[in-house]
């Protein structure tokens, strides 16, 4: 019964507390750092992620532009020759 915090295990044949089922979780204790440093690091990290996404979007737009130009030109030549 998960709602009560225990779950019956099929192989073990006994009741296993929910805490034993959950795997070990990891977290970083950032309380030793000053808050302004955490905000600064988070801001720079987010700015880096946004910058990378912008570069990827720019690449995708260039690829789409050249794809349309090459595809349209090839289609026009094919229609001209047929």
Protein backbone atom coordinates (compact mmCIF):
# COMPACT_ATOMS: atom_id res chain seq x y z
CA UNK A 1 0.00 0.00 0.00
CA UNK A 2 1.90 2.99 -1.29
CA UNK A 3 -0.40 5.52 0.33
CA UNK A 4 0.57 4.28 3.79
CA UNK A 5 4.29 4.39 3.04
CA UNK A 6 4.88 0.66 2.55
CA UNK A 7 4.94 -1.52 -0.52
CA UNK A 8 4.74 -5.27 -0.75
CA UNK A 9 7.74 -6.65 -2.62
CA UNK A 10 7.03 -9.45 -5.06
CA UNK A 11 10.35 -11.30 -4.78
CA UNK A 12 11.11 -10.78 -1.12
CA UNK A 13 7.68 -11.75 0.12
CA UNK A 14 7.76 -9.19 2.91
CA UNK A 15 6.68 -5.62 3.42
CA UNK A 16 9.37 -3.13 2.38
CA UNK A 17 9.27 0.43 3.71
CA UNK A 18 9.05 3.02 0.97
CA UNK A 19 12.32 4.56 2.14
CA UNK A 20 14.16 1.38 1.19
CA UNK A 21 12.69 1.38 -2.30
CA UNK A 22 13.80 4.93 -3.14
CA UNK A 23 17.36 5.09 -4.41
CA UNK A 24 19.88 7.37 -2.83
CA UNK A 25 19.47 11.00 -3.84
CA UNK A 26 22.30 13.45 -4.29
CA UNK A 27 22.20 17.18 -3.79
CA UNK A 28 24.78 19.91 -3.42
CA UNK A 29 24.73 21.90 -0.19
CA UNK A 30 25.25 25.47 -1.34
CA UNK A 31 24.53 27.13 1.99
CA UNK A 32 28.24 27.82 2.56
CA UNK A 33 28.38 30.17 -0.43
CA UNK A 34 27.14 33.77 -0.25
CA UNK A 35 23.77 34.29 -1.96
CA UNK A 36 25.12 36.93 -4.34
CA UNK A 37 27.69 34.44 -5.66
CA UNK A 38 24.99 31.84 -6.32
CA UNK A 39 22.84 34.37 -8.16
CA UNK A 40 25.84 35.52 -10.19
CA UNK A 41 26.86 31.97 -11.12
CA UNK A 42 23.28 31.05 -11.99
CA UNK A 43 22.90 34.16 -14.14
CA UNK A 44 26.11 33.46 -16.05
CA UNK A 45 25.13 29.82 -16.51
CA UNK A 46 21.70 30.75 -17.84
CA UNK A 47 23.23 33.39 -20.14
CA UNK A 48 25.61 30.75 -21.51
CA UNK A 49 22.77 28.32 -22.17
CA UNK A 50 20.74 31.05 -23.92
CA UNK A 51 23.79 32.02 -26.01
CA UNK A 52 24.32 28.40 -27.09
CA UNK A 53 20.63 28.08 -28.01
CA UNK A 54 20.84 31.28 -30.06
CA UNK A 55 23.87 29.94 -31.94
CA UNK A 56 22.07 26.66 -32.65
CA UNK A 57 18.99 28.53 -33.85
CA UNK A 58 21.14 30.67 -36.13
CA UNK A 59 22.73 27.54 -37.60
CA UNK A 60 19.32 25.96 -38.14
CA UNK A 61 18.07 29.07 -39.93
CA UNK A 62 21.10 29.16 -42.23
CA UNK A 63 20.64 25.48 -43.04
CA UNK A 64 16.95 26.08 -43.77
CA UNK A 65 17.79 29.06 -46.00
CA UNK A 66 20.35 27.14 -48.05
CA UNK A 67 18.07 24.12 -48.20
CA UNK A 68 15.27 26.23 -49.66
CA UNK A 69 17.63 27.96 -52.11
CA UNK A 70 19.22 24.72 -53.33
CA UNK A 71 15.94 22.83 -53.38
CA UNK A 72 14.07 25.62 -55.17
CA UNK A 73 16.83 26.03 -57.72
CA UNK A 74 16.97 22.29 -58.38
CA UNK A 75 13.18 22.16 -58.72
CA UNK A 76 13.16 25.11 -61.13
CA UNK A 77 15.89 23.49 -63.26
CA UNK A 78 14.02 20.18 -63.25
CA UNK A 79 10.81 21.92 -64.38
CA UNK A 80 12.73 23.81 -67.05
CA UNK A 81 14.27 20.66 -68.50
CA UNK A 82 11.08 18.57 -68.43
